[in-house]
C-alpha atoms as a PDB file:
ATOM      1  CA  MET A   1     -75.418-129.620  10.940  1.00  0.00           C
ATOM      2  CA  SER A   2     -76.106-131.308  14.204  1.00  0.00           C
ATOM      3  CA  VAL A   3     -76.287-129.461  17.499  1.00  0.00           C
ATOM      4  CA  SER A   4     -72.915-130.849  18.626  1.00  0.00           C
ATOM      5  CA  ALA A   5     -71.263-129.803  15.348  1.00  0.00           C
ATOM      6  CA  LEU A   6     -72.647-126.276  15.805  1.00  0.00           C
ATOM      7  CA  LYS A   7     -71.317-126.159  19.358  1.00  0.00           C
ATOM      8  CA  ILE A   8     -67.879-127.294  18.168  1.00  0.00           C
ATOM      9  CA  ALA A   9     -67.889-124.698  15.370  1.00  0.00           C
ATOM     10  CA  ALA A  10     -68.946-121.950  17.794  1.00  0.00           C
ATOM     11  CA  ALA A  11     -66.256-122.965  20.277  1.00  0.00           C
ATOM     12  CA  ALA A  12     -63.619-122.971  17.541  1.00  0.00           C
ATOM     13  CA  ALA A  13     -64.694-119.509  16.411  1.00  0.00           C
ATOM     14  CA  ALA A  14     -64.548-118.208  19.973  1.00  0.00           C
ATOM     15  CA  LEU A  15     -61.076-119.684  20.524  1.00  0.00           C
ATOM     16  CA  SER A  16     -59.871-118.206  17.242  1.00  0.00           C
ATOM     17  CA  ALA A  17     -61.161-114.749  18.175  1.00  0.00           C
ATOM     18  CA  ALA A  18     -59.603-114.956  21.633  1.00  0.00           C
ATOM     19  CA  ALA A  19     -56.263-116.033  20.187  1.00  0.00           C
ATOM     20  CA  SER A  20     -56.191-113.180  17.681  1.00  0.00           C
ATOM     21  CA  ILE A  21     -56.942-110.669  20.437  1.00  0.00           C
ATOM     22  CA  ALA A  22     -54.178-112.081  22.648  1.00  0.00           C
ATOM     23  CA  VAL A  23     -51.590-112.001  19.849  1.00  0.00           C
ATOM     24  CA  ALA A  24     -52.457-108.528  18.518  1.00  0.00           C
ATOM     25  CA  PRO A  25     -49.890-105.941  19.634  1.00  0.00           C
ATOM     26  CA  ALA A  26     -51.106-103.202  21.888  1.00  0.00           C
ATOM     27  CA  THR A  27     -51.318 -99.926  20.037  1.00  0.00           C
ATOM     28  CA  ALA A  28     -49.225 -97.421  21.891  1.00  0.00           C
ATOM     29  CA  ALA A  29     -49.925 -93.779  21.289  1.00  0.00           C
ATOM     30  CA  LYS A  30     -47.050 -92.137  19.450  1.00  0.00           C
ATOM     31  CA  PRO A  31     -45.568 -89.227  21.352  1.00  0.00           C
ATOM     32  CA  ALA A  32     -46.290 -85.859  19.771  1.00  0.00           C
ATOM     33  CA  LYS A  33     -43.418 -84.476  17.696  1.00  0.00           C
ATOM     34  CA  GLU A  34     -42.616 -81.113  16.149  1.00  0.00           C
ATOM     35  CA  ARG A  35     -40.153 -79.886  13.536  1.00  0.00           C
ATOM     36  CA  CYS A  36     -37.278 -78.055  15.182  1.00  0.00           C
ATOM     37  CA  PHE A  37     -35.061 -75.903  12.949  1.00  0.00           C
ATOM     38  CA  GLY A  38     -31.401 -75.199  13.674  1.00  0.00           C
ATOM     39  CA  VAL A  39     -30.624 -78.116  16.001  1.00  0.00           C
ATOM     40  CA  ALA A  40     -29.521 -80.877  13.598  1.00  0.00           C
ATOM     41  CA  LEU A  41     -25.869 -81.665  13.034  1.00  0.00           C
ATOM     42  CA  LYS A  42     -24.418 -81.778   9.501  1.00  0.00           C
ATOM     43  CA  GLY A  43     -26.036 -84.628   7.575  1.00  0.00           C
ATOM     44  CA  LYS A  44     -28.306 -85.593  10.497  1.00  0.00           C
ATOM     45  CA  ASN A  45     -31.440 -83.576   9.656  1.00  0.00           C
ATOM     46  CA  ASP A  46     -34.808 -85.241   9.138  1.00  0.00           C
ATOM     47  CA  CYS A  47     -35.741 -83.146   6.082  1.00  0.00           C
ATOM     48  CA  ALA A  48     -35.999 -79.690   4.450  1.00  0.00           C
ATOM     49  CA  ALA A  49     -32.378 -78.669   4.417  1.00  0.00           C
ATOM     50  CA  GLY A  50     -32.805 -75.653   2.176  1.00  0.00           C
ATOM     51  CA  PRO A  51     -31.667 -74.890  -1.378  1.00  0.00           C
ATOM     52  CA  GLY A  52     -29.373 -77.434  -3.019  1.00  0.00           C
ATOM     53  CA  THR A  53     -30.410 -80.294  -0.748  1.00  0.00           C
ATOM     54  CA  SER A  54     -33.120 -82.879  -1.187  1.00  0.00           C
ATOM     55  CA  CYS A  55     -34.225 -84.198   2.174  1.00  0.00           C
ATOM     56  CA  ALA A  56     -33.127 -86.287   5.167  1.00  0.00           C
ATOM     57  CA  GLY A  57     -29.399 -86.346   5.865  1.00  0.00           C
ATOM     58  CA  THR A  58     -28.577 -83.560   3.414  1.00  0.00           C
ATOM     59  CA  SER A  59     -27.848 -80.569   5.628  1.00  0.00           C
ATOM     60  CA  THR A  60     -24.476 -79.068   4.811  1.00  0.00           C
ATOM     61  CA  ALA A  61     -23.590 -77.515   8.174  1.00  0.00           C
ATOM     62  CA  ASP A  62     -24.186 -78.091  11.876  1.00  0.00           C
ATOM     63  CA  TYR A  63     -27.242 -76.205  13.169  1.00  0.00           C
ATOM     64  CA  GLN A  64     -28.321 -75.144   9.685  1.00  0.00           C
ATOM     65  CA  GLY A  65     -31.329 -72.845  10.140  1.00  0.00           C
ATOM     66  CA  SER A  66     -33.207 -74.263   7.151  1.00  0.00           C
ATOM     67  CA  ALA A  67     -32.834 -77.891   8.286  1.00  0.00           C
ATOM     68  CA  TRP A  68     -35.112 -79.487  10.848  1.00  0.00           C
ATOM     69  CA  LYS A  69     -35.145 -82.498  13.115  1.00  0.00           C
ATOM     70  CA  TYR A  70     -38.157 -84.101  14.801  1.00  0.00           C
ATOM     71  CA  VAL A  71     -38.120 -83.538  18.562  1.00  0.00           C
ATOM     72  CA  ALA A  72     -40.645 -84.072  21.348  1.00  0.00           C
ATOM     73  CA  LYS A  73     -43.431 -81.503  21.201  1.00  0.00           C
ATOM     74  CA  GLY A  74     -42.659 -78.526  23.415  1.00  0.00           C
ATOM     75  CA  SER A  75     -38.912 -79.146  23.607  1.00  0.00           C
ATOM     76  CA  CYS A  76     -37.656 -77.294  20.515  1.00  0.00           C
ATOM     77  CA  THR A  77     -37.482 -73.766  21.852  1.00  0.00           C
ATOM     78  CA  LYS A  78     -36.209 -75.038  25.203  1.00  0.00           C
ATOM     79  CA  MET A  79     -33.159 -76.486  23.422  1.00  0.00           C
ATOM     80  CA  GLY A  80     -32.584 -73.279  21.490  1.00  0.00           C
ATOM     81  CA  GLY A  81     -34.161 -74.241  18.172  1.00  0.00           C
ATOM     82  CA  THR A  82     -36.986 -72.507  16.340  1.00  0.00           C
ATOM     83  CA  LEU A  83     -40.303 -73.734  14.971  1.00  0.00           C
ATOM     84  CA  GLU A  84     -39.709 -71.843  11.703  1.00  0.00           C
ATOM     85  CA  ALA A  85     -36.755 -71.918   9.311  1.00  0.00           C
ATOM     86  CA  HIS A  86     -34.238 -69.137   9.834  1.00  0.00           C
ATOM     87  CA  ALA A  87     -31.012 -67.874   8.278  1.00  0.00           C
ATOM     88  CA  GLY A  88     -27.601 -68.869   9.562  1.00  0.00           C
ATOM     89  CA  ASN A  89     -26.219 -71.790  11.483  1.00  0.00           C
ATOM     90  CA  ALA A  90     -25.407 -70.485  14.946  1.00  0.00           C
ATOM     91  CA  LYS A  91     -25.186 -73.104  17.666  1.00  0.00           C
ATOM     92  CA  PRO A  92     -28.511 -73.179  19.562  1.00  0.00           C
ATOM     93  CA  VAL A  93     -28.463 -71.835  23.098  1.00  0.00           C
ATOM     94  CA  PRO A  94     -30.770 -73.768  25.440  1.00  0.00           C
ATOM     95  CA  LYS A  95     -33.156 -71.629  27.479  1.00  0.00           C
ATOM     96  CA  LYS A  96     -32.588 -71.622  31.193  1.00  0.00           C
ATOM     97  CA  ARG A  97     -35.516 -72.554  33.371  1.00  0.00           C
END
């Protein structure tokens, strides 16, 4: 290869690298989530809805204590949910500040 051909090849490689960097989506950090039991409405849980159910969307009652929903980390207990499964399906009572 001649010197000019090498320069052209190097320039093309540099342009290609710059273009791929410009087009690549910025990776945003995903917000931290936690499983919150007892806050999902009937059929709106994310998973683990207790005996007789398989997974997401299978809770059989509002606020089912064995069904969880993903919520922002640190917000579960504030909205009246629990971080562990529990019996019953009482409506969660948000904690006052």
